[in-house]
N, C-alpha and C. Protein backbone atom coordinates (compact mmCIF):
# COMPACT_ATOMS: atom_id res chain seq x y z
N MET A 1 80.78 104.04 185.65
CA MET A 1 80.09 102.76 185.72
C MET A 1 81.10 101.68 185.49
N THR A 2 80.93 100.59 186.14
CA THR A 2 81.88 99.46 186.04
C THR A 2 81.54 98.60 184.85
N ASN A 3 82.62 98.15 184.13
CA ASN A 3 82.39 97.25 183.01
C ASN A 3 81.75 95.97 183.50
N TRP A 4 80.86 95.53 182.68
CA TRP A 4 80.27 94.24 183.01
C TRP A 4 80.01 93.47 181.74
N SER A 5 79.87 92.17 181.86
CA SER A 5 79.63 91.33 180.69
C SER A 5 78.59 90.29 181.02
N ALA A 6 77.90 89.87 180.02
CA ALA A 6 76.90 88.84 180.20
C ALA A 6 76.99 87.87 179.06
N GLY A 7 76.75 86.65 179.30
CA GLY A 7 76.82 85.65 178.24
C GLY A 7 75.96 84.47 178.54
N VAL A 8 75.66 83.73 177.56
CA VAL A 8 74.89 82.52 177.73
C VAL A 8 75.76 81.37 177.30
N ASP A 9 75.98 80.42 178.18
CA ASP A 9 76.84 79.28 177.90
C ASP A 9 76.00 78.04 177.68
N GLY A 10 76.69 76.97 177.39
CA GLY A 10 75.98 75.71 177.23
C GLY A 10 75.51 75.53 175.82
N ASP A 11 74.55 74.62 175.67
CA ASP A 11 74.06 74.30 174.33
C ASP A 11 73.34 75.47 173.70
N GLY A 12 72.77 76.29 174.51
CA GLY A 12 72.02 77.42 173.96
C GLY A 12 72.84 78.67 173.84
N GLY A 13 74.19 78.59 174.14
CA GLY A 13 75.05 79.78 174.10
C GLY A 13 75.13 80.36 172.71
N ARG A 14 74.89 81.62 172.59
CA ARG A 14 74.93 82.28 171.30
C ARG A 14 75.97 83.37 171.20
N GLY A 15 76.49 83.85 172.39
CA GLY A 15 77.46 84.92 172.27
C GLY A 15 77.70 85.58 173.60
N GLN A 16 78.28 86.78 173.52
CA GLN A 16 78.65 87.51 174.71
C GLN A 16 78.57 88.99 174.43
N ALA A 17 78.06 89.76 175.45
CA ALA A 17 77.95 91.21 175.32
C ALA A 17 78.68 91.86 176.46
N THR A 18 79.35 93.01 176.17
CA THR A 18 80.10 93.74 177.18
C THR A 18 79.72 95.19 177.12
N VAL A 19 79.51 95.81 178.35
CA VAL A 19 79.18 97.24 178.45
C VAL A 19 80.26 97.90 179.27
N ASP A 20 80.87 99.00 178.76
CA ASP A 20 81.91 99.69 179.52
C ASP A 20 81.32 100.87 180.25
N ASP A 21 82.17 101.68 180.92
CA ASP A 21 81.73 102.80 181.74
C ASP A 21 81.04 103.88 180.92
N HIS A 22 81.31 103.94 179.61
CA HIS A 22 80.71 104.96 178.77
C HIS A 22 79.43 104.51 178.13
N GLY A 23 79.01 103.30 178.43
CA GLY A 23 77.76 102.80 177.87
C GLY A 23 77.91 102.17 176.52
N ASP A 24 79.17 102.00 176.07
CA ASP A 24 79.37 101.34 174.77
C ASP A 24 79.18 99.85 174.94
N VAL A 25 78.56 99.28 173.98
CA VAL A 25 78.24 97.85 174.02
C VAL A 25 79.04 97.15 172.95
N ALA A 26 79.64 96.04 173.36
CA ALA A 26 80.34 95.19 172.39
C ALA A 26 79.80 93.80 172.49
N ALA A 27 79.34 93.29 171.38
CA ALA A 27 78.77 91.94 171.38
C ALA A 27 79.49 91.10 170.35
N THR A 28 79.74 89.88 170.71
CA THR A 28 80.39 88.96 169.78
C THR A 28 79.47 87.80 169.51
N ASP A 29 79.45 87.38 168.26
CA ASP A 29 78.61 86.25 167.88
C ASP A 29 79.35 85.43 166.83
N HIS A 30 79.80 84.26 167.19
CA HIS A 30 80.55 83.39 166.29
C HIS A 30 81.79 84.07 165.74
N GLY A 31 82.56 84.82 166.53
CA GLY A 31 83.82 85.41 166.11
C GLY A 31 83.68 86.76 165.47
N ILE A 32 82.46 87.31 165.30
CA ILE A 32 82.29 88.63 164.72
C ILE A 32 81.89 89.56 165.84
N GLY A 33 82.70 90.56 166.06
CA GLY A 33 82.44 91.50 167.15
C GLY A 33 81.62 92.67 166.66
N VAL A 34 80.68 93.13 167.51
CA VAL A 34 79.86 94.28 167.19
C VAL A 34 80.11 95.31 168.27
N GLY A 35 80.52 96.47 167.91
CA GLY A 35 80.82 97.49 168.90
C GLY A 35 80.21 98.82 168.53
N ARG A 36 80.20 99.71 169.46
CA ARG A 36 79.67 101.03 169.21
C ARG A 36 80.70 102.04 169.68
N ASP A 37 81.12 102.90 168.78
CA ASP A 37 82.15 103.88 169.09
C ASP A 37 81.66 105.24 168.65
N ARG A 38 81.21 106.05 169.69
CA ARG A 38 80.74 107.41 169.41
C ARG A 38 79.67 107.42 168.32
N GLY A 39 78.71 106.56 168.47
CA GLY A 39 77.59 106.54 167.55
C GLY A 39 77.78 105.68 166.33
N ARG A 40 78.98 105.08 166.19
CA ARG A 40 79.20 104.22 165.03
C ARG A 40 79.24 102.77 165.46
N THR A 41 78.64 101.96 164.64
CA THR A 41 78.65 100.52 164.90
C THR A 41 79.75 99.90 164.07
N THR A 42 80.62 99.14 164.73
CA THR A 42 81.74 98.49 164.01
C THR A 42 81.61 97.00 164.13
N PHE A 43 82.14 96.31 163.09
CA PHE A 43 82.09 94.85 163.07
C PHE A 43 83.51 94.33 162.96
N ALA A 44 83.98 93.71 163.98
CA ALA A 44 85.32 93.13 163.98
C ALA A 44 85.32 91.88 163.11
N GLY A 45 86.40 91.66 162.31
CA GLY A 45 86.51 90.47 161.47
C GLY A 45 86.16 90.72 160.03
N MET A 46 85.47 91.85 159.74
CA MET A 46 85.09 92.12 158.36
C MET A 46 86.27 92.60 157.53
N ASP A 47 87.32 93.20 158.15
CA ASP A 47 88.49 93.67 157.40
C ASP A 47 89.20 92.53 156.69
N ASP A 48 89.32 91.38 157.38
CA ASP A 48 90.00 90.24 156.78
C ASP A 48 89.29 89.77 155.53
N ARG A 49 87.96 89.74 155.60
CA ARG A 49 87.21 89.28 154.43
C ARG A 49 87.34 90.26 153.28
N GLY A 50 87.39 91.54 153.57
CA GLY A 50 87.57 92.53 152.52
C GLY A 50 88.92 92.40 151.83
N GLN A 51 89.96 92.13 152.62
CA GLN A 51 91.29 91.94 152.05
C GLN A 51 91.34 90.73 151.13
N VAL A 52 90.66 89.65 151.51
CA VAL A 52 90.59 88.47 150.66
C VAL A 52 89.93 88.79 149.34
N GLY A 53 88.86 89.58 149.37
CA GLY A 53 88.16 89.94 148.14
C GLY A 53 89.04 90.77 147.22
N ILE A 54 89.80 91.71 147.76
CA ILE A 54 90.70 92.53 146.95
C ILE A 54 91.80 91.67 146.34
N GLY A 55 92.29 90.70 147.12
CA GLY A 55 93.32 89.81 146.59
C GLY A 55 92.82 89.00 145.39
N ILE A 56 91.57 88.56 145.46
CA ILE A 56 91.01 87.80 144.34
C ILE A 56 90.91 88.66 143.09
N ILE A 57 90.48 89.93 143.29
CA ILE A 57 90.38 90.84 142.14
C ILE A 57 91.75 91.07 141.51
N VAL A 58 92.78 91.27 142.35
CA VAL A 58 94.12 91.48 141.83
C VAL A 58 94.59 90.27 141.03
N MET A 59 94.32 89.08 141.55
CA MET A 59 94.72 87.87 140.85
C MET A 59 93.98 87.75 139.52
N PHE A 60 92.71 88.10 139.50
CA PHE A 60 91.91 88.03 138.28
C PHE A 60 92.47 88.97 137.22
N VAL A 61 92.80 90.22 137.64
CA VAL A 61 93.36 91.19 136.70
C VAL A 61 94.71 90.69 136.17
N ALA A 62 95.52 90.13 137.06
CA ALA A 62 96.82 89.61 136.64
C ALA A 62 96.67 88.49 135.62
N MET A 63 95.68 87.62 135.83
CA MET A 63 95.44 86.54 134.87
C MET A 63 95.03 87.08 133.51
N ILE A 64 94.23 88.14 133.51
CA ILE A 64 93.82 88.76 132.24
C ILE A 64 95.04 89.32 131.51
N ILE A 65 95.92 90.00 132.24
CA ILE A 65 97.11 90.58 131.63
C ILE A 65 98.01 89.49 131.05
N VAL A 66 98.24 88.42 131.83
CA VAL A 66 99.08 87.32 131.35
C VAL A 66 98.47 86.67 130.12
N SER A 67 97.14 86.51 130.11
CA SER A 67 96.47 85.90 128.96
C SER A 67 96.64 86.77 127.72
N ALA A 68 96.53 88.10 127.90
CA ALA A 68 96.69 89.00 126.77
C ALA A 68 98.11 88.91 126.20
N ILE A 69 99.10 88.87 127.08
CA ILE A 69 100.49 88.76 126.62
C ILE A 69 100.71 87.44 125.87
N ALA A 70 100.18 86.36 126.44
CA ALA A 70 100.33 85.05 125.79
C ALA A 70 99.66 85.04 124.43
N ALA A 71 98.49 85.68 124.33
CA ALA A 71 97.79 85.73 123.05
C ALA A 71 98.63 86.49 122.02
N GLY A 72 99.26 87.59 122.45
CA GLY A 72 100.11 88.34 121.53
C GLY A 72 101.29 87.52 121.05
N VAL A 73 101.90 86.77 121.96
CA VAL A 73 103.03 85.91 121.58
C VAL A 73 102.59 84.86 120.57
N ILE A 74 101.42 84.26 120.81
CA ILE A 74 100.92 83.22 119.91
C ILE A 74 100.64 83.79 118.53
N VAL A 75 100.05 84.99 118.49
CA VAL A 75 99.76 85.62 117.20
C VAL A 75 101.06 85.90 116.44
N ASN A 76 102.07 86.42 117.15
CA ASN A 76 103.36 86.69 116.51
C ASN A 76 104.01 85.42 115.98
N MET A 77 103.96 84.36 116.78
CA MET A 77 104.53 83.08 116.35
C MET A 77 103.80 82.54 115.13
N ALA A 78 102.47 82.69 115.14
CA ALA A 78 101.69 82.22 113.99
C ALA A 78 102.08 82.98 112.73
N GLY A 79 102.29 84.30 112.87
CA GLY A 79 102.71 85.09 111.71
C GLY A 79 104.07 84.66 111.20
N MET A 80 105.02 84.42 112.12
CA MET A 80 106.36 83.99 111.71
C MET A 80 106.31 82.64 111.02
N MET A 81 105.50 81.71 111.59
CA MET A 81 105.40 80.39 110.98
C MET A 81 104.76 80.47 109.60
N GLY A 82 103.78 81.38 109.45
CA GLY A 82 103.16 81.56 108.14
C GLY A 82 104.15 82.07 107.12
N ASP A 83 105.00 83.03 107.52
CA ASP A 83 106.02 83.56 106.61
C ASP A 83 107.01 82.47 106.21
N ARG A 84 107.42 81.68 107.21
CA ARG A 84 108.38 80.62 106.92
C ARG A 84 107.76 79.58 105.99
N ALA A 85 106.48 79.27 106.21
CA ALA A 85 105.82 78.30 105.34
C ALA A 85 105.74 78.83 103.91
N ALA A 86 105.45 80.13 103.77
CA ALA A 86 105.39 80.73 102.43
C ALA A 86 106.75 80.66 101.75
N ASP A 87 107.82 81.00 102.50
CA ASP A 87 109.16 80.94 101.93
C ASP A 87 109.53 79.52 101.53
N ALA A 88 109.19 78.56 102.40
CA ALA A 88 109.49 77.17 102.09
C ALA A 88 108.73 76.71 100.86
N GLY A 89 107.47 77.17 100.74
CA GLY A 89 106.68 76.80 99.57
C GLY A 89 107.27 77.35 98.30
N GLU A 90 107.70 78.62 98.33
CA GLU A 90 108.32 79.21 97.15
C GLU A 90 109.61 78.49 96.78
N GLU A 91 110.39 78.14 97.80
CA GLU A 91 111.64 77.43 97.54
C GLU A 91 111.37 76.06 96.92
N ALA A 92 110.35 75.36 97.46
CA ALA A 92 110.02 74.04 96.93
C ALA A 92 109.55 74.13 95.49
N VAL A 93 108.73 75.14 95.19
CA VAL A 93 108.26 75.32 93.81
C VAL A 93 109.44 75.61 92.89
N GLY A 94 110.37 76.47 93.37
CA GLY A 94 111.55 76.79 92.56
C GLY A 94 112.39 75.56 92.25
N GLN A 95 112.52 74.68 93.24
CA GLN A 95 113.31 73.47 93.05
C GLN A 95 112.65 72.52 92.07
N VAL A 96 111.32 72.58 91.98
CA VAL A 96 110.61 71.68 91.08
C VAL A 96 110.58 72.22 89.66
N VAL A 97 110.20 73.50 89.49
CA VAL A 97 109.99 74.03 88.15
C VAL A 97 111.08 75.02 87.72
N GLY A 98 111.99 75.39 88.61
CA GLY A 98 112.99 76.40 88.27
C GLY A 98 114.27 75.82 87.74
N GLY A 99 114.22 74.64 87.18
CA GLY A 99 115.44 74.00 86.74
C GLY A 99 115.52 73.80 85.25
N VAL A 100 116.52 73.03 84.86
CA VAL A 100 116.81 72.75 83.45
C VAL A 100 116.39 71.33 83.13
N GLN A 101 115.72 71.18 82.01
CA GLN A 101 115.31 69.85 81.55
C GLN A 101 116.17 69.44 80.36
N VAL A 102 116.76 68.25 80.45
CA VAL A 102 117.64 67.75 79.39
C VAL A 102 116.79 67.02 78.35
N GLN A 103 116.97 67.42 77.11
CA GLN A 103 116.23 66.80 76.02
C GLN A 103 117.06 65.77 75.25
N ASP A 104 118.36 66.03 75.11
CA ASP A 104 119.16 65.16 74.27
C ASP A 104 120.64 65.35 74.59
N ARG A 105 121.45 64.31 74.32
CA ARG A 105 122.90 64.39 74.48
C ARG A 105 123.56 63.87 73.21
N THR A 106 124.47 64.66 72.68
CA THR A 106 125.24 64.25 71.51
C THR A 106 126.70 64.62 71.76
N CYS A 107 127.61 63.76 71.34
CA CYS A 107 129.03 64.03 71.54
C CYS A 107 129.78 64.00 70.22
N THR A 108 130.72 64.91 70.09
CA THR A 108 131.65 64.80 68.96
C THR A 108 132.74 63.80 69.34
N VAL A 109 133.26 63.11 68.35
CA VAL A 109 134.15 61.98 68.61
C VAL A 109 135.60 62.34 68.31
N SER A 110 136.46 61.90 69.22
CA SER A 110 137.90 62.03 69.02
C SER A 110 138.42 60.74 68.39
N ALA A 111 139.33 60.89 67.43
CA ALA A 111 139.81 59.71 66.71
C ALA A 111 140.89 58.95 67.47
N ASN A 112 141.79 59.67 68.13
CA ASN A 112 142.92 58.98 68.76
C ASN A 112 143.25 59.63 70.11
N PRO A 113 142.84 58.98 71.19
CA PRO A 113 142.06 57.74 71.23
C PRO A 113 140.58 58.01 70.97
N ALA A 114 139.86 56.97 70.65
CA ALA A 114 138.43 57.10 70.39
C ALA A 114 137.72 57.43 71.70
N GLY A 115 136.93 58.47 71.67
CA GLY A 115 136.20 58.87 72.88
C GLY A 115 135.46 60.17 72.66
N VAL A 116 134.94 60.71 73.75
CA VAL A 116 134.16 61.95 73.70
C VAL A 116 135.10 63.14 73.64
N ASP A 117 134.95 63.93 72.60
CA ASP A 117 135.74 65.15 72.46
C ASP A 117 134.96 66.33 73.08
N GLU A 118 133.82 66.62 72.54
CA GLU A 118 132.93 67.64 73.10
C GLU A 118 131.59 67.00 73.43
N ALA A 119 130.94 67.52 74.47
CA ALA A 119 129.59 67.08 74.83
C ALA A 119 128.62 68.20 74.49
N TRP A 120 127.58 67.85 73.71
CA TRP A 120 126.52 68.80 73.39
C TRP A 120 125.26 68.35 74.14
N VAL A 121 124.84 69.16 75.07
CA VAL A 121 123.66 68.83 75.87
C VAL A 121 122.56 69.82 75.52
N HIS A 122 121.47 69.32 74.96
CA HIS A 122 120.35 70.18 74.58
C HIS A 122 119.38 70.29 75.75
N VAL A 123 119.16 71.53 76.19
CA VAL A 123 118.36 71.76 77.40
C VAL A 123 117.28 72.80 77.12
N ARG A 124 116.32 72.85 78.01
CA ARG A 124 115.28 73.89 77.99
C ARG A 124 114.72 74.03 79.40
N LEU A 125 113.87 75.01 79.60
CA LEU A 125 113.24 75.18 80.91
C LEU A 125 112.28 74.04 81.20
N ARG A 126 112.17 73.68 82.46
CA ARG A 126 111.16 72.70 82.85
C ARG A 126 109.77 73.29 82.65
N PRO A 127 108.77 72.44 82.37
CA PRO A 127 107.40 72.95 82.20
C PRO A 127 106.95 73.76 83.41
N GLY A 128 106.39 74.94 83.13
CA GLY A 128 105.94 75.81 84.21
C GLY A 128 107.04 76.62 84.85
N GLY A 129 108.26 76.48 84.35
CA GLY A 129 109.40 77.16 84.96
C GLY A 129 109.48 78.62 84.58
N THR A 130 110.26 79.36 85.36
CA THR A 130 110.52 80.76 85.08
C THR A 130 111.95 80.91 84.55
N MET A 131 112.27 82.10 84.09
CA MET A 131 113.57 82.36 83.48
C MET A 131 114.72 81.94 84.39
N VAL A 132 115.73 81.32 83.79
CA VAL A 132 116.93 80.91 84.50
C VAL A 132 118.12 81.67 83.92
N ASN A 133 118.81 82.40 84.78
CA ASN A 133 120.02 83.10 84.36
C ASN A 133 121.19 82.14 84.45
N MET A 134 121.68 81.68 83.31
CA MET A 134 122.74 80.68 83.31
C MET A 134 124.08 81.27 83.76
N ALA A 135 124.22 82.59 83.69
CA ALA A 135 125.45 83.21 84.18
C ALA A 135 125.58 83.04 85.69
N ASN A 136 124.46 82.87 86.37
CA ASN A 136 124.48 82.66 87.82
C ASN A 136 124.25 81.21 88.20
N THR A 137 124.33 80.34 87.22
CA THR A 137 124.10 78.91 87.45
C THR A 137 125.44 78.19 87.65
N THR A 138 125.46 77.25 88.57
CA THR A 138 126.66 76.47 88.82
C THR A 138 126.68 75.24 87.91
N VAL A 139 127.77 75.08 87.17
CA VAL A 139 127.92 73.93 86.27
C VAL A 139 129.21 73.21 86.65
N LEU A 140 129.09 71.93 86.95
CA LEU A 140 130.24 71.13 87.34
C LEU A 140 130.43 69.97 86.37
N TYR A 141 131.70 69.66 86.12
CA TYR A 141 132.06 68.45 85.36
C TYR A 141 132.89 67.57 86.28
N THR A 142 132.50 66.31 86.41
CA THR A 142 133.25 65.38 87.26
C THR A 142 133.33 64.02 86.58
N ASP A 143 134.48 63.39 86.71
CA ASP A 143 134.62 61.98 86.31
C ASP A 143 135.57 61.33 87.30
N GLY A 144 136.07 60.17 86.99
CA GLY A 144 136.93 59.47 87.93
C GLY A 144 138.26 60.15 88.17
N ASP A 145 138.66 61.07 87.28
CA ASP A 145 139.97 61.72 87.39
C ASP A 145 139.90 63.22 87.59
N VAL A 146 138.81 63.84 87.21
CA VAL A 146 138.75 65.30 87.13
C VAL A 146 137.49 65.84 87.80
N HIS A 147 137.67 66.99 88.45
CA HIS A 147 136.53 67.74 88.98
C HIS A 147 136.75 69.21 88.61
N ALA A 148 135.79 69.80 87.89
CA ALA A 148 135.98 71.17 87.40
C ALA A 148 134.66 71.94 87.50
N GLU A 149 134.75 73.18 87.96
CA GLU A 149 133.60 74.08 87.94
C GLU A 149 133.76 75.02 86.75
N LEU A 150 132.72 75.13 85.96
CA LEU A 150 132.78 75.89 84.71
C LEU A 150 131.90 77.12 84.79
N SER A 151 132.28 78.14 84.04
CA SER A 151 131.48 79.37 83.95
C SER A 151 131.05 79.58 82.51
N LEU A 152 130.02 80.41 82.32
CA LEU A 152 129.46 80.65 81.00
C LEU A 152 130.36 81.59 80.20
N ASP A 153 130.54 81.26 78.91
CA ASP A 153 131.33 82.10 78.03
C ASP A 153 130.54 82.37 76.75
N ASN A 154 130.69 83.56 76.21
CA ASN A 154 129.94 83.93 75.00
C ASN A 154 130.71 83.64 73.71
N GLU A 155 131.85 82.98 73.81
CA GLU A 155 132.65 82.76 72.60
C GLU A 155 132.91 81.27 72.34
N THR A 156 133.82 80.71 73.16
CA THR A 156 134.23 79.33 72.88
C THR A 156 134.33 78.53 74.17
N ALA A 157 133.89 77.28 74.09
CA ALA A 157 134.05 76.38 75.23
C ALA A 157 135.51 75.98 75.35
N ASN A 158 136.01 75.93 76.59
CA ASN A 158 137.40 75.56 76.79
C ASN A 158 137.54 74.83 78.12
N ALA A 159 138.74 74.87 78.71
CA ALA A 159 139.00 74.11 79.92
C ALA A 159 138.21 74.59 81.13
N SER A 160 137.77 75.83 81.11
CA SER A 160 137.08 76.38 82.28
C SER A 160 135.74 77.02 81.94
N ARG A 161 135.35 76.96 80.67
CA ARG A 161 134.11 77.62 80.26
C ARG A 161 133.27 76.73 79.35
N TYR A 162 131.97 76.99 79.39
CA TYR A 162 131.05 76.32 78.48
C TYR A 162 130.26 77.39 77.73
N THR A 163 129.61 77.01 76.66
CA THR A 163 128.82 77.97 75.89
C THR A 163 127.36 77.53 75.84
N LEU A 164 126.50 78.49 75.55
CA LEU A 164 125.07 78.25 75.43
C LEU A 164 124.62 78.94 74.14
N VAL A 165 124.14 78.14 73.19
CA VAL A 165 123.81 78.66 71.86
C VAL A 165 122.37 78.32 71.51
N ASP A 166 121.65 79.34 71.05
CA ASP A 166 120.27 79.18 70.60
C ASP A 166 120.18 79.64 69.15
N ASP A 167 120.02 78.65 68.25
CA ASP A 167 119.89 78.95 66.82
C ASP A 167 121.05 79.81 66.32
N GLY A 168 122.26 79.42 66.69
CA GLY A 168 123.46 80.10 66.22
C GLY A 168 123.84 81.34 67.01
N GLU A 169 123.04 81.74 67.98
CA GLU A 169 123.33 82.93 68.77
C GLU A 169 123.66 82.54 70.21
N HIS A 170 124.68 83.17 70.76
CA HIS A 170 125.03 82.92 72.16
C HIS A 170 124.00 83.60 73.07
N VAL A 171 123.55 82.87 74.07
CA VAL A 171 122.57 83.40 75.02
C VAL A 171 123.07 83.18 76.43
N ARG A 172 122.47 83.90 77.37
CA ARG A 172 122.84 83.78 78.79
C ARG A 172 121.67 83.36 79.66
N GLU A 173 120.49 83.30 79.07
CA GLU A 173 119.29 82.98 79.84
C GLU A 173 118.45 81.94 79.12
N LEU A 174 117.78 81.11 79.91
CA LEU A 174 116.77 80.20 79.38
C LEU A 174 115.42 80.82 79.68
N THR A 175 114.64 81.06 78.64
CA THR A 175 113.37 81.77 78.82
C THR A 175 112.19 81.02 78.24
N ASN A 176 112.44 79.89 77.58
CA ASN A 176 111.36 79.20 76.87
C ASN A 176 111.30 77.75 77.30
N THR A 177 110.09 77.28 77.57
CA THR A 177 109.92 75.89 78.00
C THR A 177 109.81 74.93 76.82
N SER A 178 109.69 75.44 75.62
CA SER A 178 109.53 74.58 74.45
C SER A 178 110.71 74.65 73.48
N ARG A 179 111.57 75.64 73.64
CA ARG A 179 112.69 75.81 72.71
C ARG A 179 113.97 75.27 73.34
N MET A 180 114.68 74.42 72.60
CA MET A 180 115.91 73.83 73.11
C MET A 180 117.11 74.74 72.85
N VAL A 181 118.05 74.72 73.77
CA VAL A 181 119.30 75.47 73.66
C VAL A 181 120.45 74.49 73.84
N ARG A 182 121.52 74.65 73.07
CA ARG A 182 122.64 73.71 73.14
C ARG A 182 123.72 74.20 74.10
N MET A 183 124.01 73.39 75.08
CA MET A 183 125.11 73.65 76.01
C MET A 183 126.31 72.81 75.55
N THR A 184 127.44 73.47 75.33
CA THR A 184 128.63 72.78 74.83
C THR A 184 129.74 72.78 75.87
N LEU A 185 130.26 71.58 76.17
CA LEU A 185 131.40 71.43 77.08
C LEU A 185 132.52 70.74 76.31
N ASP A 186 133.71 71.33 76.35
CA ASP A 186 134.87 70.73 75.70
C ASP A 186 135.49 69.74 76.69
N VAL A 187 135.00 68.50 76.64
CA VAL A 187 135.40 67.48 77.61
C VAL A 187 136.90 67.19 77.52
N ALA A 188 137.42 67.04 76.32
CA ALA A 188 138.84 66.70 76.15
C ALA A 188 139.74 67.81 76.70
N GLU A 189 139.33 69.07 76.51
CA GLU A 189 140.13 70.19 77.02
C GLU A 189 140.02 70.29 78.55
N ILE A 190 138.82 70.05 79.08
CA ILE A 190 138.61 70.09 80.54
C ILE A 190 139.49 69.05 81.23
N ARG A 191 139.51 67.84 80.67
CA ARG A 191 140.29 66.76 81.26
C ARG A 191 141.79 67.00 81.06
N GLY A 192 142.17 67.38 79.84
CA GLY A 192 143.59 67.53 79.53
C GLY A 192 144.26 68.61 80.36
N ALA A 193 143.56 69.71 80.61
CA ALA A 193 144.15 70.81 81.37
C ALA A 193 144.45 70.40 82.81
N ARG A 194 143.79 69.38 83.29
CA ARG A 194 143.97 68.96 84.68
C ARG A 194 144.73 67.64 84.81
N LEU A 195 145.03 67.01 83.67
CA LEU A 195 145.74 65.73 83.73
C LEU A 195 147.17 65.84 83.20
N ASN A 196 147.29 66.09 81.90
CA ASN A 196 148.64 66.07 81.31
C ASN A 196 148.94 67.27 80.42
N GLY A 197 148.02 68.22 80.37
CA GLY A 197 148.28 69.41 79.56
C GLY A 197 147.90 69.28 78.11
N THR A 198 147.53 68.09 77.67
CA THR A 198 147.07 67.89 76.28
C THR A 198 145.64 67.38 76.31
N ARG A 199 144.98 67.45 75.18
CA ARG A 199 143.58 67.02 75.13
C ARG A 199 143.46 65.56 75.54
N ALA A 200 142.49 65.28 76.37
CA ALA A 200 142.31 63.92 76.90
C ALA A 200 140.83 63.55 76.82
N PRO A 201 140.40 62.99 75.73
CA PRO A 201 138.99 62.62 75.56
C PRO A 201 138.54 61.61 76.61
N LEU A 202 137.23 61.59 76.87
CA LEU A 202 136.64 60.58 77.76
C LEU A 202 136.43 59.32 76.93
N GLU A 203 137.23 58.30 77.21
CA GLU A 203 137.24 57.11 76.36
C GLU A 203 136.07 56.19 76.68
N ASN A 204 135.90 55.19 75.77
CA ASN A 204 134.86 54.19 75.95
C ASN A 204 135.00 53.53 77.32
N GLY A 205 133.88 53.32 77.97
CA GLY A 205 133.89 52.72 79.30
C GLY A 205 134.03 53.72 80.41
N GLY A 206 134.40 54.94 80.06
CA GLY A 206 134.48 55.99 81.08
C GLY A 206 133.09 56.52 81.44
N GLU A 207 133.04 57.28 82.48
CA GLU A 207 131.75 57.85 82.92
C GLU A 207 132.00 59.22 83.54
N ALA A 208 131.15 60.17 83.17
CA ALA A 208 131.26 61.52 83.71
C ALA A 208 129.87 62.05 84.02
N THR A 209 129.83 63.07 84.90
CA THR A 209 128.57 63.69 85.28
C THR A 209 128.67 65.19 85.13
N ILE A 210 127.69 65.77 84.48
CA ILE A 210 127.58 67.22 84.37
C ILE A 210 126.42 67.64 85.28
N THR A 211 126.71 68.49 86.26
CA THR A 211 125.70 68.94 87.22
C THR A 211 125.37 70.40 86.95
N VAL A 212 124.08 70.68 86.83
CA VAL A 212 123.61 72.05 86.58
C VAL A 212 122.71 72.45 87.74
N ALA A 213 123.15 73.43 88.55
CA ALA A 213 122.38 73.90 89.71
C ALA A 213 121.98 75.35 89.47
N THR A 214 120.68 75.60 89.33
CA THR A 214 120.19 76.93 89.01
C THR A 214 120.07 77.78 90.27
N PRO A 215 119.95 79.12 90.12
CA PRO A 215 119.77 79.98 91.30
C PRO A 215 118.52 79.67 92.10
N GLN A 216 117.51 79.06 91.46
CA GLN A 216 116.28 78.70 92.17
C GLN A 216 116.46 77.48 93.07
N GLY A 217 117.61 76.82 92.97
CA GLY A 217 117.87 75.67 93.82
C GLY A 217 117.61 74.33 93.16
N ALA A 218 117.20 74.34 91.90
CA ALA A 218 116.95 73.08 91.19
C ALA A 218 118.26 72.51 90.67
N VAL A 219 118.41 71.21 90.75
CA VAL A 219 119.64 70.53 90.32
C VAL A 219 119.30 69.49 89.25
N THR A 220 120.04 69.55 88.15
CA THR A 220 119.89 68.58 87.07
C THR A 220 121.25 67.92 86.82
N LYS A 221 121.25 66.60 86.70
CA LYS A 221 122.49 65.87 86.45
C LYS A 221 122.41 65.14 85.11
N VAL A 222 123.48 65.29 84.34
CA VAL A 222 123.58 64.65 83.03
C VAL A 222 124.74 63.67 83.06
N ARG A 223 124.48 62.41 82.70
CA ARG A 223 125.54 61.40 82.72
C ARG A 223 126.05 61.13 81.31
N LEU A 224 127.36 61.10 81.19
CA LEU A 224 128.01 60.72 79.94
C LEU A 224 128.62 59.34 80.12
N GLN A 225 128.22 58.38 79.27
CA GLN A 225 128.71 57.01 79.37
C GLN A 225 129.03 56.50 77.96
N PRO A 226 130.17 56.90 77.43
CA PRO A 226 130.50 56.47 76.06
C PRO A 226 130.80 54.98 75.99
N THR A 227 130.16 54.32 75.06
CA THR A 227 130.41 52.90 74.81
C THR A 227 130.32 52.65 73.31
N GLY A 228 131.25 51.89 72.79
CA GLY A 228 131.22 51.53 71.37
C GLY A 228 131.48 52.67 70.42
N ILE A 229 132.11 53.73 70.88
CA ILE A 229 132.44 54.84 69.98
C ILE A 229 133.62 54.44 69.10
N ALA A 230 133.44 54.62 67.79
CA ALA A 230 134.50 54.28 66.83
C ALA A 230 135.19 55.54 66.35
N ALA A 231 136.47 55.41 66.06
CA ALA A 231 137.25 56.55 65.61
C ALA A 231 136.76 57.10 64.30
N SER A 232 136.07 56.28 63.55
CA SER A 232 135.57 56.72 62.23
C SER A 232 134.33 57.60 62.37
N GLN A 233 133.73 57.65 63.51
CA GLN A 233 132.53 58.43 63.70
C GLN A 233 132.87 59.90 63.93
N SER A 234 131.95 60.75 63.54
CA SER A 234 132.09 62.18 63.85
C SER A 234 131.25 62.57 65.06
N TYR A 235 130.08 61.91 65.18
CA TYR A 235 129.17 62.20 66.29
C TYR A 235 128.66 60.88 66.87
N SER A 236 128.26 60.93 68.12
CA SER A 236 127.74 59.71 68.73
C SER A 236 126.87 60.08 69.92
N LYS A 237 125.91 59.22 70.20
CA LYS A 237 125.14 59.37 71.43
C LYS A 237 126.04 59.03 72.60
N CYS A 238 125.92 59.80 73.66
CA CYS A 238 126.79 59.53 74.82
C CYS A 238 126.00 59.71 76.11
């Protein structure tokens, strides 16, 4: 049988049908083909739409995976920031309460020349503070002529060491917020060892700073400003 086709054109045109020698009919309507192949009806154009649907599903799954990864990253970052905030908080607390509080300053007087021979600094823990190991604490003495870092000694203060005495006993730790401990620095020996080899007291009008930096990060500064010290005195406020 010869292939033939029929169609309706014009305003009322709806499509086109084709019959081949085997009696198979193919009809098209608005770009969708309908055919018959050995008893099966096929629709041309439906494959493209199916591919589009699969692509959308793949994109949706990919978005879910990306969102899950991003959520994991955010959770990890939040945990790290929380840890850092906790560490910063502990450090800040240590700097506030983990230091030394100065209660009083007294100096022994050198007669010739008149000035500070030894500095006695009475200290204790800051309120709410925890134990401070003074053996691990940095202590500096500085004035206009001298800069010295001192270490703790259990016997005698000298050019490179200071002592810490509690009620006549040498100690290495501050453990009490209400009990004072005396820190002794031999100012004349510290200065003399770095200037001329002989004792050199801090004279009237001079100024020095004692810096105490604890392992917790707290820093305390003590200023020595001798004025009006007379050679006849044994002790003086400084």
